[in-house]
């Protein structure tokens, strides 16, 4: 018997604020390819993931925004895609705040990511434009934990519209409304202009072709 081919190793850093359904749909195709792949995913804060990338422990990092100069590292960022944003909640809460949306959001309970995230800043600007002041009952960077709280009726959460149907079905949530003009983005960050691991390049191509194509998302070349 001939020895089996060793699977290619792919190590991905995932920022805790990236929506888990989006991350799953981005990464899952790597396991479905004919060529065997050994997949390793590390979840942490963007700062720690970038440090691991510089240290050679990761092939790529998936973030919700490109690192700024304050990150202190030279990296290359590529937009995998972007999606609209939907506000979801437990059905009884969604029914209450769906009426007269978005004015109904005045004082509404929200579960939001931390203030340093791109989505949080975009949502706060959108609240200001519509003159509403929601009640922030929790600041949670872990998107999976946020939806668990939402399912328990703790408040309204923001998720990428591209996975809205999946999140509603899995967590028994309902749509309150869509946030017009706000986009949720995912970036692939690497040390080199070109991805050193071919599997990461395939991840990027599939994201643009499959996951984000129907949402009108844009990707970089």
N, C-alpha and C. Protein backbone atom coordinates (compact mmCIF):
# COMPACT_ATOMS: atom_id res chain seq x y z
N UNK A 1 0.84 -1.19 0.00
CA UNK A 1 0.00 0.00 0.00
C UNK A 1 0.87 1.24 0.00
N UNK A 2 0.48 2.21 -0.85
CA UNK A 2 1.22 3.46 -0.88
C UNK A 2 0.83 4.34 0.30
N UNK A 3 1.76 5.07 0.89
CA UNK A 3 1.41 5.95 2.01
C UNK A 3 0.47 7.06 1.55
N UNK A 4 -0.48 7.40 2.41
CA UNK A 4 -1.44 8.46 2.08
C UNK A 4 -0.74 9.82 2.06
N UNK A 5 -1.26 10.72 1.24
CA UNK A 5 -0.66 12.04 1.12
C UNK A 5 -0.93 12.87 2.35
N UNK A 6 0.10 13.54 2.83
CA UNK A 6 -0.07 14.37 4.03
C UNK A 6 -0.92 15.59 3.68
N UNK A 7 -1.91 15.91 4.53
CA UNK A 7 -2.75 17.07 4.23
C UNK A 7 -1.99 18.38 4.36
N UNK A 8 -2.37 19.34 3.54
CA UNK A 8 -1.78 20.67 3.63
C UNK A 8 -2.29 21.36 4.91
N UNK A 9 -1.40 22.02 5.60
CA UNK A 9 -1.75 22.70 6.85
C UNK A 9 -2.16 24.14 6.55
N UNK A 10 -3.33 24.54 7.05
CA UNK A 10 -3.83 25.90 6.88
C UNK A 10 -4.17 26.44 8.26
N UNK A 11 -3.49 27.51 8.68
CA UNK A 11 -3.70 28.09 10.01
C UNK A 11 -4.31 29.48 9.85
N UNK A 12 -5.53 29.62 10.36
CA UNK A 12 -6.31 30.86 10.20
C UNK A 12 -6.56 31.50 11.55
N UNK A 13 -6.30 32.78 11.65
CA UNK A 13 -6.66 33.55 12.84
C UNK A 13 -7.99 34.24 12.61
N UNK A 14 -8.90 34.08 13.54
CA UNK A 14 -10.26 34.63 13.40
C UNK A 14 -10.54 35.63 14.52
N UNK A 15 -10.79 36.87 14.15
CA UNK A 15 -11.13 37.88 15.16
C UNK A 15 -12.47 37.52 15.80
N UNK A 16 -12.56 37.70 17.12
CA UNK A 16 -13.76 37.29 17.84
C UNK A 16 -15.01 38.04 17.40
N UNK A 17 -14.85 39.22 16.78
CA UNK A 17 -16.02 39.99 16.39
C UNK A 17 -16.59 39.56 15.04
N UNK A 18 -15.86 38.77 14.27
CA UNK A 18 -16.37 38.30 12.98
C UNK A 18 -17.50 37.31 13.23
N UNK A 19 -18.62 37.52 12.55
CA UNK A 19 -19.79 36.66 12.75
C UNK A 19 -19.44 35.20 12.46
N UNK A 20 -19.78 34.31 13.39
CA UNK A 20 -19.40 32.91 13.23
C UNK A 20 -20.06 32.25 12.02
N UNK A 21 -21.32 32.52 11.69
CA UNK A 21 -21.87 31.92 10.47
C UNK A 21 -21.12 32.35 9.21
N UNK A 22 -20.66 33.60 9.17
CA UNK A 22 -19.86 34.06 8.03
C UNK A 22 -18.53 33.32 8.00
N UNK A 23 -17.87 33.22 9.17
CA UNK A 23 -16.59 32.52 9.23
C UNK A 23 -16.73 31.07 8.79
N UNK A 24 -17.80 30.42 9.24
CA UNK A 24 -18.01 29.02 8.86
C UNK A 24 -18.18 28.88 7.35
N UNK A 25 -18.97 29.74 6.76
CA UNK A 25 -19.22 29.63 5.32
C UNK A 25 -18.00 30.04 4.50
N UNK A 26 -17.12 30.84 5.08
CA UNK A 26 -15.87 31.17 4.40
C UNK A 26 -14.88 30.01 4.43
N UNK A 27 -14.80 29.33 5.58
CA UNK A 27 -13.76 28.34 5.80
C UNK A 27 -14.19 26.93 5.40
N UNK A 28 -15.46 26.59 5.54
CA UNK A 28 -15.94 25.24 5.28
C UNK A 28 -15.51 24.68 3.92
N UNK A 29 -15.55 25.46 2.82
CA UNK A 29 -15.17 24.89 1.53
C UNK A 29 -13.75 24.30 1.49
N UNK A 30 -12.86 24.77 2.37
CA UNK A 30 -11.51 24.21 2.39
C UNK A 30 -11.53 22.73 2.76
N UNK A 31 -12.51 22.33 3.57
CA UNK A 31 -12.59 20.93 3.99
C UNK A 31 -13.29 20.06 2.96
N UNK A 32 -13.93 20.69 2.00
CA UNK A 32 -14.67 19.93 0.99
C UNK A 32 -13.89 19.72 -0.30
N UNK A 33 -12.67 20.22 -0.35
CA UNK A 33 -11.88 20.12 -1.58
C UNK A 33 -11.25 18.73 -1.70
N UNK A 34 -10.94 18.31 -2.93
CA UNK A 34 -10.33 16.98 -3.13
C UNK A 34 -8.99 16.84 -2.42
N UNK A 35 -8.20 17.92 -2.41
CA UNK A 35 -6.91 17.87 -1.74
C UNK A 35 -7.11 17.92 -0.22
N UNK A 36 -6.52 16.98 0.52
CA UNK A 36 -6.72 16.97 1.98
C UNK A 36 -6.12 18.20 2.65
N UNK A 37 -6.83 18.73 3.62
CA UNK A 37 -6.40 19.94 4.33
C UNK A 37 -6.52 19.70 5.83
N UNK A 38 -5.48 20.06 6.55
CA UNK A 38 -5.56 20.08 8.01
C UNK A 38 -5.79 21.51 8.44
N UNK A 39 -7.00 21.78 8.94
CA UNK A 39 -7.44 23.14 9.25
C UNK A 39 -7.22 23.45 10.72
N UNK A 40 -6.59 24.59 11.00
CA UNK A 40 -6.39 25.07 12.36
C UNK A 40 -6.91 26.50 12.44
N UNK A 41 -7.86 26.75 13.32
CA UNK A 41 -8.46 28.08 13.48
C UNK A 41 -8.22 28.55 14.90
N UNK A 42 -7.61 29.72 15.04
CA UNK A 42 -7.36 30.34 16.34
C UNK A 42 -8.20 31.61 16.46
N UNK A 43 -9.00 31.68 17.49
CA UNK A 43 -9.84 32.87 17.70
C UNK A 43 -9.26 33.71 18.84
N UNK A 44 -9.18 35.03 18.60
CA UNK A 44 -8.63 35.92 19.63
C UNK A 44 -8.92 37.36 19.22
N UNK A 45 -8.36 38.28 19.96
CA UNK A 45 -8.50 39.70 19.63
C UNK A 45 -7.62 40.02 18.41
N UNK A 46 -7.96 41.05 17.64
CA UNK A 46 -7.14 41.40 16.48
C UNK A 46 -5.68 41.66 16.83
N UNK A 47 -5.43 42.29 17.97
CA UNK A 47 -4.06 42.61 18.35
C UNK A 47 -3.22 41.34 18.54
N UNK A 48 -3.77 40.36 19.24
CA UNK A 48 -3.03 39.12 19.48
C UNK A 48 -2.88 38.31 18.20
N UNK A 49 -3.89 38.35 17.35
CA UNK A 49 -3.80 37.61 16.09
C UNK A 49 -2.74 38.20 15.18
N UNK A 50 -2.66 39.52 15.12
CA UNK A 50 -1.64 40.16 14.29
C UNK A 50 -0.24 39.84 14.80
N UNK A 51 -0.09 39.79 16.12
CA UNK A 51 1.21 39.43 16.69
C UNK A 51 1.58 38.00 16.30
N UNK A 52 0.58 37.11 16.30
CA UNK A 52 0.84 35.71 15.91
C UNK A 52 1.16 35.62 14.42
N UNK A 53 0.52 36.47 13.62
CA UNK A 53 0.80 36.49 12.19
C UNK A 53 2.24 36.91 11.93
N UNK A 54 2.68 37.96 12.60
CA UNK A 54 4.06 38.44 12.45
C UNK A 54 5.04 37.39 12.94
N UNK A 55 4.66 36.65 13.96
CA UNK A 55 5.54 35.61 14.50
C UNK A 55 5.58 34.35 13.66
N UNK A 56 4.82 34.30 12.57
CA UNK A 56 4.83 33.15 11.69
C UNK A 56 3.94 32.00 12.12
N UNK A 57 3.05 32.24 13.09
CA UNK A 57 2.19 31.17 13.59
C UNK A 57 0.89 31.04 12.80
N UNK A 58 0.56 32.03 11.97
CA UNK A 58 -0.69 32.03 11.21
C UNK A 58 -0.40 32.29 9.73
N UNK A 59 -1.22 31.69 8.86
CA UNK A 59 -1.13 31.97 7.43
C UNK A 59 -1.89 33.24 7.06
N UNK A 60 -3.01 33.48 7.72
CA UNK A 60 -3.86 34.62 7.40
C UNK A 60 -4.71 34.94 8.62
N UNK A 61 -5.14 36.19 8.72
CA UNK A 61 -6.03 36.63 9.80
C UNK A 61 -7.28 37.24 9.18
N UNK A 62 -8.45 36.83 9.67
CA UNK A 62 -9.72 37.38 9.21
C UNK A 62 -10.20 38.42 10.22
N UNK A 63 -10.34 39.67 9.75
CA UNK A 63 -10.72 40.79 10.60
C UNK A 63 -11.94 41.50 10.04
N UNK A 64 -12.57 42.32 10.88
CA UNK A 64 -13.72 43.10 10.42
C UNK A 64 -13.31 44.47 9.87
N UNK A 65 -12.03 44.80 9.99
CA UNK A 65 -11.52 46.08 9.46
C UNK A 65 -10.02 45.93 9.24
N UNK A 66 -9.46 46.63 8.26
CA UNK A 66 -8.01 46.53 8.04
C UNK A 66 -7.25 47.17 9.19
N UNK A 67 -6.11 46.61 9.59
CA UNK A 67 -5.34 47.21 10.68
C UNK A 67 -4.87 48.61 10.31
N UNK A 68 -4.95 49.52 11.26
CA UNK A 68 -4.48 50.89 11.04
C UNK A 68 -3.03 51.04 11.43
N UNK A 69 -2.48 52.25 11.27
CA UNK A 69 -1.07 52.49 11.62
C UNK A 69 -0.76 52.18 13.08
N UNK A 70 -1.79 52.30 13.94
CA UNK A 70 -1.55 52.06 15.36
C UNK A 70 -1.22 50.59 15.66
N UNK A 71 -1.51 49.70 14.70
CA UNK A 71 -1.20 48.29 14.91
C UNK A 71 0.30 48.06 14.99
N UNK A 72 1.09 48.93 14.34
CA UNK A 72 2.54 48.85 14.44
C UNK A 72 3.17 47.73 13.65
N UNK A 73 2.43 47.13 12.71
CA UNK A 73 2.98 46.06 11.89
C UNK A 73 2.67 46.35 10.42
N UNK A 74 3.56 45.91 9.54
CA UNK A 74 3.33 46.08 8.11
C UNK A 74 2.67 44.82 7.57
N UNK A 75 1.42 44.97 7.16
CA UNK A 75 0.66 43.83 6.63
C UNK A 75 -0.12 44.29 5.40
N UNK A 76 -0.66 43.31 4.69
CA UNK A 76 -1.47 43.58 3.50
C UNK A 76 -2.89 43.08 3.75
N UNK A 77 -3.87 43.93 3.48
CA UNK A 77 -5.27 43.60 3.73
C UNK A 77 -6.02 43.51 2.41
N UNK A 78 -6.86 42.50 2.30
CA UNK A 78 -7.71 42.32 1.11
C UNK A 78 -9.14 42.15 1.57
N UNK A 79 -10.04 42.88 0.96
CA UNK A 79 -11.46 42.78 1.28
C UNK A 79 -12.02 41.50 0.67
N UNK A 80 -12.45 40.56 1.53
CA UNK A 80 -13.08 39.35 1.02
C UNK A 80 -14.49 39.62 0.53
N UNK A 81 -15.18 40.53 1.20
CA UNK A 81 -16.54 40.86 0.80
C UNK A 81 -17.21 41.72 1.86
N UNK A 82 -18.36 42.22 1.52
CA UNK A 82 -19.13 43.02 2.48
C UNK A 82 -20.61 42.74 2.29
N UNK A 83 -21.35 42.97 3.36
CA UNK A 83 -22.77 42.65 3.37
C UNK A 83 -23.52 43.75 4.09
N UNK A 84 -24.82 43.85 3.80
CA UNK A 84 -25.67 44.71 4.59
C UNK A 84 -25.79 44.18 6.01
N UNK A 85 -26.43 44.95 6.87
CA UNK A 85 -26.56 44.59 8.29
C UNK A 85 -28.04 44.51 8.66
N UNK A 86 -28.40 43.43 9.35
CA UNK A 86 -29.77 43.23 9.82
C UNK A 86 -29.80 43.27 11.34
N UNK A 87 -30.86 43.81 11.88
CA UNK A 87 -31.06 43.81 13.33
C UNK A 87 -32.06 42.71 13.68
N UNK A 88 -31.64 41.81 14.57
CA UNK A 88 -32.45 40.64 14.93
C UNK A 88 -32.70 40.62 16.43
N UNK A 89 -33.77 39.94 16.81
CA UNK A 89 -34.10 39.78 18.23
C UNK A 89 -35.04 38.60 18.38
N UNK A 90 -35.29 38.23 19.63
CA UNK A 90 -36.30 37.20 19.89
C UNK A 90 -37.63 37.69 19.32
N UNK A 91 -38.48 36.79 18.82
CA UNK A 91 -39.70 37.20 18.11
C UNK A 91 -40.55 38.23 18.83
N UNK A 92 -40.76 38.08 20.13
CA UNK A 92 -41.62 39.04 20.83
C UNK A 92 -40.98 40.43 20.88
N UNK A 93 -39.67 40.48 21.00
CA UNK A 93 -38.98 41.77 21.02
C UNK A 93 -38.95 42.37 19.61
N UNK A 94 -38.71 41.53 18.61
CA UNK A 94 -38.70 42.01 17.23
C UNK A 94 -40.05 42.60 16.85
N UNK A 95 -41.14 41.96 17.25
CA UNK A 95 -42.48 42.46 16.92
C UNK A 95 -42.72 43.83 17.56
N UNK A 96 -42.18 44.02 18.74
CA UNK A 96 -42.38 45.30 19.45
C UNK A 96 -41.67 46.45 18.77
N UNK A 97 -40.42 46.21 18.34
CA UNK A 97 -39.61 47.32 17.80
C UNK A 97 -39.65 47.41 16.28
N UNK A 98 -40.36 46.49 15.64
CA UNK A 98 -40.49 46.55 14.19
C UNK A 98 -41.41 47.69 13.76
N UNK A 99 -42.37 48.01 14.59
CA UNK A 99 -43.30 49.09 14.26
C UNK A 99 -42.58 50.44 14.32
N UNK A 100 -42.81 51.25 13.32
CA UNK A 100 -42.23 52.60 13.23
C UNK A 100 -40.70 52.57 13.22
N UNK A 101 -40.13 51.49 12.71
CA UNK A 101 -38.68 51.37 12.58
C UNK A 101 -38.16 52.44 11.61
N UNK A 102 -37.07 53.15 11.88
CA UNK A 102 -36.14 52.95 13.01
C UNK A 102 -36.42 53.84 14.23
N UNK A 103 -37.47 54.70 14.16
CA UNK A 103 -37.73 55.57 15.31
C UNK A 103 -38.07 54.77 16.56
N UNK A 104 -38.57 53.55 16.36
CA UNK A 104 -38.94 52.70 17.49
C UNK A 104 -37.74 52.28 18.32
N UNK A 105 -36.53 52.47 17.79
CA UNK A 105 -35.32 52.01 18.49
C UNK A 105 -34.91 52.92 19.64
N UNK A 106 -35.59 54.04 19.82
CA UNK A 106 -35.29 54.91 20.95
C UNK A 106 -35.48 54.13 22.25
N UNK A 107 -34.40 53.98 23.00
CA UNK A 107 -34.45 53.26 24.27
C UNK A 107 -34.49 51.75 24.14
N UNK A 108 -34.40 51.21 22.93
CA UNK A 108 -34.47 49.75 22.73
C UNK A 108 -33.21 49.09 23.27
N UNK A 109 -33.35 47.90 23.85
CA UNK A 109 -32.17 47.19 24.39
C UNK A 109 -31.31 46.62 23.27
N UNK A 110 -30.01 46.91 23.28
CA UNK A 110 -29.10 46.44 22.25
C UNK A 110 -27.92 45.70 22.86
N UNK A 111 -27.49 44.68 22.15
CA UNK A 111 -26.25 43.96 22.47
C UNK A 111 -25.28 44.27 21.34
N UNK A 112 -24.25 45.06 21.62
CA UNK A 112 -23.37 45.56 20.58
C UNK A 112 -21.93 45.09 20.80
N UNK A 113 -21.16 45.02 19.72
CA UNK A 113 -19.73 44.74 19.88
C UNK A 113 -19.02 45.92 20.53
N UNK A 114 -17.78 45.73 20.91
CA UNK A 114 -17.02 46.78 21.59
C UNK A 114 -16.85 48.04 20.76
N UNK A 115 -16.50 49.14 21.43
CA UNK A 115 -16.41 50.45 20.78
C UNK A 115 -15.29 50.55 19.76
N UNK A 116 -14.32 49.66 19.83
CA UNK A 116 -13.19 49.74 18.90
C UNK A 116 -13.47 49.03 17.57
N UNK A 117 -14.59 48.35 17.44
CA UNK A 117 -14.89 47.61 16.22
C UNK A 117 -15.50 48.53 15.16
N UNK A 118 -15.27 48.16 13.90
CA UNK A 118 -15.82 48.95 12.81
C UNK A 118 -17.33 48.95 12.79
N UNK A 119 -17.95 47.80 13.09
CA UNK A 119 -19.41 47.72 13.08
C UNK A 119 -20.01 48.62 14.16
N UNK A 120 -19.40 48.66 15.32
CA UNK A 120 -19.94 49.50 16.41
C UNK A 120 -19.92 50.97 16.01
N UNK A 121 -18.82 51.41 15.43
CA UNK A 121 -18.73 52.81 15.02
C UNK A 121 -19.76 53.13 13.93
N UNK A 122 -19.96 52.22 13.00
CA UNK A 122 -20.92 52.45 11.92
C UNK A 122 -22.35 52.49 12.47
N UNK A 123 -22.66 51.61 13.41
CA UNK A 123 -24.00 51.61 13.99
C UNK A 123 -24.27 52.88 14.78
N UNK A 124 -23.28 53.33 15.54
CA UNK A 124 -23.48 54.56 16.32
C UNK A 124 -23.70 55.76 15.41
N UNK A 125 -22.98 55.80 14.28
CA UNK A 125 -23.20 56.89 13.32
C UNK A 125 -24.60 56.79 12.73
N UNK A 126 -25.07 55.59 12.48
CA UNK A 126 -26.43 55.39 11.94
C UNK A 126 -27.47 55.80 12.96
N UNK A 127 -27.29 55.48 14.23
CA UNK A 127 -28.20 55.91 15.29
C UNK A 127 -28.28 57.44 15.32
N UNK A 128 -27.12 58.08 15.22
CA UNK A 128 -27.08 59.55 15.26
C UNK A 128 -27.84 60.15 14.08
N UNK A 129 -27.67 59.57 12.90
CA UNK A 129 -28.36 60.10 11.71
C UNK A 129 -29.87 60.03 11.86
N UNK A 130 -30.35 59.01 12.55
CA UNK A 130 -31.80 58.83 12.71
C UNK A 130 -32.31 59.41 14.03
N UNK A 131 -31.41 59.99 14.80
CA UNK A 131 -31.82 60.65 16.04
C UNK A 131 -32.39 59.72 17.09
N UNK A 132 -31.85 58.50 17.18
CA UNK A 132 -32.32 57.55 18.20
C UNK A 132 -31.19 57.21 19.15
N UNK A 133 -31.54 56.96 20.39
CA UNK A 133 -30.56 56.60 21.42
C UNK A 133 -30.97 55.27 22.05
N UNK A 134 -30.44 54.18 21.55
CA UNK A 134 -30.79 52.88 22.13
C UNK A 134 -30.15 52.70 23.49
N UNK A 135 -30.64 51.73 24.23
CA UNK A 135 -30.07 51.38 25.53
C UNK A 135 -29.12 50.20 25.33
N UNK A 136 -27.82 50.43 25.50
CA UNK A 136 -26.84 49.36 25.32
C UNK A 136 -26.79 48.54 26.62
N UNK A 137 -27.40 47.36 26.57
CA UNK A 137 -27.46 46.51 27.77
C UNK A 137 -26.24 45.61 27.88
N UNK A 138 -25.46 45.49 26.78
CA UNK A 138 -24.27 44.65 26.83
C UNK A 138 -23.32 44.96 25.69
N UNK A 139 -22.02 44.89 25.96
CA UNK A 139 -20.99 45.03 24.94
C UNK A 139 -20.22 43.72 24.90
N UNK A 140 -20.41 42.96 23.83
CA UNK A 140 -19.87 41.61 23.73
C UNK A 140 -19.18 41.47 22.38
N UNK A 141 -17.88 41.19 22.39
CA UNK A 141 -17.16 41.03 21.13
C UNK A 141 -17.42 39.69 20.47
N UNK A 142 -17.66 38.64 21.27
CA UNK A 142 -17.89 37.32 20.70
C UNK A 142 -19.27 37.27 20.06
N UNK A 143 -19.31 37.20 18.73
CA UNK A 143 -20.58 37.26 18.03
C UNK A 143 -21.48 36.06 18.33
N UNK A 144 -20.88 34.89 18.56
CA UNK A 144 -21.69 33.72 18.88
C UNK A 144 -22.39 33.88 20.22
N UNK A 145 -21.68 34.42 21.20
CA UNK A 145 -22.28 34.64 22.52
C UNK A 145 -23.38 35.69 22.44
N UNK A 146 -23.19 36.69 21.60
CA UNK A 146 -24.19 37.74 21.44
C UNK A 146 -25.53 37.16 20.99
N UNK A 147 -25.51 36.26 20.03
CA UNK A 147 -26.76 35.68 19.53
C UNK A 147 -27.41 34.78 20.58
N UNK A 148 -26.62 34.16 21.45
CA UNK A 148 -27.20 33.37 22.53
C UNK A 148 -27.99 34.27 23.48
N UNK A 149 -27.43 35.43 23.81
CA UNK A 149 -28.16 36.38 24.65
C UNK A 149 -29.41 36.89 23.95
N UNK A 150 -29.31 37.13 22.65
CA UNK A 150 -30.47 37.59 21.91
C UNK A 150 -31.59 36.56 21.93
N UNK A 151 -31.23 35.30 21.77
CA UNK A 151 -32.24 34.24 21.79
C UNK A 151 -32.95 34.19 23.13
N UNK A 152 -32.22 34.52 24.21
CA UNK A 152 -32.82 34.53 25.55
C UNK A 152 -33.68 35.76 25.80
N UNK A 153 -33.75 36.67 24.82
CA UNK A 153 -34.59 37.85 24.96
C UNK A 153 -33.91 39.03 25.60
N UNK A 154 -32.57 39.05 25.61
CA UNK A 154 -31.84 40.12 26.28
C UNK A 154 -31.77 41.41 25.48
N UNK A 155 -31.93 41.33 24.16
CA UNK A 155 -31.84 42.55 23.37
C UNK A 155 -31.72 42.28 21.88
N UNK A 156 -31.45 43.35 21.15
CA UNK A 156 -31.34 43.33 19.69
C UNK A 156 -29.86 43.20 19.31
N UNK A 157 -29.57 42.40 18.28
CA UNK A 157 -28.21 42.23 17.80
C UNK A 157 -28.13 42.58 16.32
N UNK A 158 -26.92 42.92 15.88
CA UNK A 158 -26.67 43.24 14.47
C UNK A 158 -25.87 42.09 13.86
N UNK A 159 -26.35 41.57 12.72
CA UNK A 159 -25.67 40.47 12.04
C UNK A 159 -25.58 40.80 10.55
N UNK A 160 -24.62 40.23 9.84
CA UNK A 160 -24.55 40.44 8.39
C UNK A 160 -25.80 39.88 7.71
N UNK A 161 -26.39 40.65 6.82
CA UNK A 161 -27.61 40.21 6.14
C UNK A 161 -27.39 38.96 5.32
N UNK A 162 -26.15 38.72 4.88
CA UNK A 162 -25.86 37.56 4.05
C UNK A 162 -26.10 36.24 4.80
N UNK A 163 -26.08 36.27 6.13
CA UNK A 163 -26.35 35.06 6.91
C UNK A 163 -27.58 35.24 7.81
N UNK A 164 -28.40 36.25 7.53
CA UNK A 164 -29.57 36.52 8.36
C UNK A 164 -30.49 35.30 8.46
N UNK A 165 -30.78 34.67 7.33
CA UNK A 165 -31.71 33.54 7.34
C UNK A 165 -31.17 32.40 8.20
N UNK A 166 -29.87 32.11 8.07
CA UNK A 166 -29.27 31.03 8.86
C UNK A 166 -29.33 31.33 10.35
N UNK A 167 -29.01 32.58 10.74
CA UNK A 167 -29.00 32.95 12.15
C UNK A 167 -30.41 32.91 12.73
N UNK A 168 -31.39 33.39 11.97
CA UNK A 168 -32.78 33.36 12.46
C UNK A 168 -33.25 31.93 12.68
N UNK A 169 -32.91 31.04 11.76
CA UNK A 169 -33.34 29.65 11.88
C UNK A 169 -32.63 28.95 13.04
N UNK A 170 -31.34 29.16 13.17
CA UNK A 170 -30.57 28.45 14.19
C UNK A 170 -30.90 28.94 15.59
N UNK A 171 -31.08 30.25 15.75
CA UNK A 171 -31.27 30.83 17.09
C UNK A 171 -32.70 31.28 17.36
N UNK A 172 -33.60 30.99 16.42
CA UNK A 172 -35.02 31.34 16.59
C UNK A 172 -35.19 32.84 16.83
N UNK A 173 -34.58 33.61 15.96
CA UNK A 173 -34.68 35.06 16.02
C UNK A 173 -35.53 35.57 14.86
N UNK A 174 -35.92 36.81 14.92
CA UNK A 174 -36.71 37.45 13.86
C UNK A 174 -36.11 38.81 13.56
N UNK A 175 -36.35 39.27 12.34
CA UNK A 175 -35.79 40.56 11.93
C UNK A 175 -36.60 41.71 12.51
N UNK A 176 -35.86 42.68 13.05
CA UNK A 176 -36.46 43.95 13.47
C UNK A 176 -36.46 44.91 12.28
N UNK A 177 -35.35 44.99 11.58
CA UNK A 177 -35.23 45.85 10.40
C UNK A 177 -33.83 45.75 9.84
N UNK A 178 -33.61 46.41 8.72
CA UNK A 178 -32.29 46.43 8.10
C UNK A 178 -31.69 47.82 8.22
N UNK A 179 -30.38 47.86 8.43
CA UNK A 179 -29.67 49.11 8.67
C UNK A 179 -29.15 49.62 7.33
N UNK A 180 -29.90 50.50 6.72
CA UNK A 180 -29.54 51.02 5.41
C UNK A 180 -28.27 51.87 5.49
N UNK A 181 -27.34 51.62 4.57
CA UNK A 181 -26.13 52.43 4.52
C UNK A 181 -24.98 51.92 5.36
N UNK A 182 -25.19 50.85 6.12
CA UNK A 182 -24.12 50.27 6.94
C UNK A 182 -23.74 48.92 6.35
N UNK A 183 -22.44 48.70 6.19
CA UNK A 183 -21.94 47.46 5.62
C UNK A 183 -21.03 46.76 6.63
N UNK A 184 -21.15 45.44 6.69
CA UNK A 184 -20.26 44.64 7.52
C UNK A 184 -19.23 43.98 6.62
N UNK A 185 -17.96 44.17 6.92
CA UNK A 185 -16.89 43.72 6.04
C UNK A 185 -16.03 42.64 6.70
N UNK A 186 -15.39 41.83 5.86
CA UNK A 186 -14.41 40.86 6.33
C UNK A 186 -13.16 41.01 5.46
N UNK A 187 -12.01 41.17 6.14
CA UNK A 187 -10.73 41.34 5.46
C UNK A 187 -9.82 40.16 5.76
N UNK A 188 -9.06 39.76 4.75
CA UNK A 188 -8.01 38.76 4.93
C UNK A 188 -6.68 39.51 5.01
N UNK A 189 -5.94 39.31 6.07
CA UNK A 189 -4.70 40.04 6.34
C UNK A 189 -3.54 39.07 6.33
N UNK A 190 -2.50 39.41 5.59
CA UNK A 190 -1.31 38.56 5.51
C UNK A 190 -0.06 39.42 5.53
N UNK A 191 1.10 38.77 5.67
CA UNK A 191 2.36 39.50 5.70
C UNK A 191 2.86 39.85 4.30
N UNK A 192 2.45 39.08 3.30
CA UNK A 192 2.91 39.30 1.94
C UNK A 192 1.76 39.77 1.06
N UNK A 193 2.12 40.43 -0.04
CA UNK A 193 1.10 40.91 -0.97
C UNK A 193 0.31 39.74 -1.56
N UNK A 194 1.01 38.62 -1.80
CA UNK A 194 0.36 37.41 -2.27
C UNK A 194 0.30 36.39 -1.14
N UNK A 195 -0.81 35.65 -1.06
CA UNK A 195 -0.92 34.63 -0.03
C UNK A 195 0.11 33.53 -0.27
N UNK A 196 0.86 33.17 0.77
CA UNK A 196 1.85 32.13 0.63
C UNK A 196 1.25 30.74 0.56
N UNK A 197 0.05 30.58 1.16
CA UNK A 197 -0.61 29.27 1.18
C UNK A 197 -1.68 29.24 0.09
N UNK A 198 -1.60 28.32 -0.87
CA UNK A 198 -2.60 28.27 -1.95
C UNK A 198 -4.03 28.09 -1.45
N UNK A 199 -4.20 27.40 -0.32
CA UNK A 199 -5.54 27.19 0.21
C UNK A 199 -6.18 28.51 0.62
N UNK A 200 -5.40 29.46 1.10
CA UNK A 200 -5.93 30.75 1.50
C UNK A 200 -6.41 31.52 0.27
N UNK A 201 -5.68 31.40 -0.83
CA UNK A 201 -6.12 32.05 -2.07
C UNK A 201 -7.44 31.45 -2.54
N UNK A 202 -7.60 30.15 -2.39
CA UNK A 202 -8.87 29.52 -2.77
C UNK A 202 -10.00 29.99 -1.87
N UNK A 203 -9.70 30.20 -0.59
CA UNK A 203 -10.71 30.74 0.33
C UNK A 203 -11.19 32.10 -0.15
N UNK A 204 -10.26 32.94 -0.56
CA UNK A 204 -10.59 34.28 -1.03
C UNK A 204 -11.46 34.23 -2.28
N UNK A 205 -11.09 33.37 -3.23
CA UNK A 205 -11.86 33.28 -4.47
C UNK A 205 -13.26 32.77 -4.23
N UNK A 206 -13.40 31.78 -3.35
CA UNK A 206 -14.73 31.24 -3.07
C UNK A 206 -15.61 32.26 -2.34
N UNK A 207 -15.00 33.07 -1.48
CA UNK A 207 -15.76 34.10 -0.78
C UNK A 207 -16.40 35.06 -1.76
N UNK A 208 -15.64 35.50 -2.73
CA UNK A 208 -16.14 36.46 -3.72
C UNK A 208 -17.15 35.82 -4.65
N UNK A 209 -16.93 34.53 -4.99
CA UNK A 209 -17.76 33.87 -5.99
C UNK A 209 -19.06 33.33 -5.40
N UNK A 210 -19.01 32.82 -4.16
CA UNK A 210 -20.15 32.11 -3.60
C UNK A 210 -20.85 32.86 -2.48
N UNK A 211 -20.11 33.14 -1.40
CA UNK A 211 -20.76 33.70 -0.21
C UNK A 211 -21.30 35.10 -0.45
N UNK A 212 -20.48 35.98 -1.04
CA UNK A 212 -20.88 37.38 -1.15
C UNK A 212 -21.45 37.76 -2.51
N UNK A 213 -21.41 36.87 -3.47
CA UNK A 213 -21.85 37.23 -4.82
C UNK A 213 -23.31 37.66 -4.85
N UNK A 214 -24.18 36.95 -4.12
CA UNK A 214 -25.61 37.25 -4.19
C UNK A 214 -25.99 38.47 -3.36
N UNK A 215 -25.09 38.93 -2.49
CA UNK A 215 -25.42 40.07 -1.64
C UNK A 215 -24.96 41.40 -2.23
N UNK A 216 -24.42 41.35 -3.46
CA UNK A 216 -23.94 42.58 -4.06
C UNK A 216 -22.66 43.06 -3.43
N UNK A 217 -21.90 42.15 -2.83
CA UNK A 217 -20.68 42.51 -2.14
C UNK A 217 -19.57 42.80 -3.12
N UNK A 218 -18.59 43.54 -2.66
CA UNK A 218 -17.44 43.84 -3.49
C UNK A 218 -16.22 43.21 -2.86
N UNK A 219 -15.32 42.76 -3.70
CA UNK A 219 -14.06 42.20 -3.23
C UNK A 219 -12.91 42.86 -3.95
N UNK A 220 -11.72 42.69 -3.42
CA UNK A 220 -10.56 43.27 -4.05
C UNK A 220 -9.88 42.26 -4.96
N UNK A 221 -9.16 42.74 -5.91
CA UNK A 221 -8.42 41.85 -6.81
C UNK A 221 -7.07 41.49 -6.20
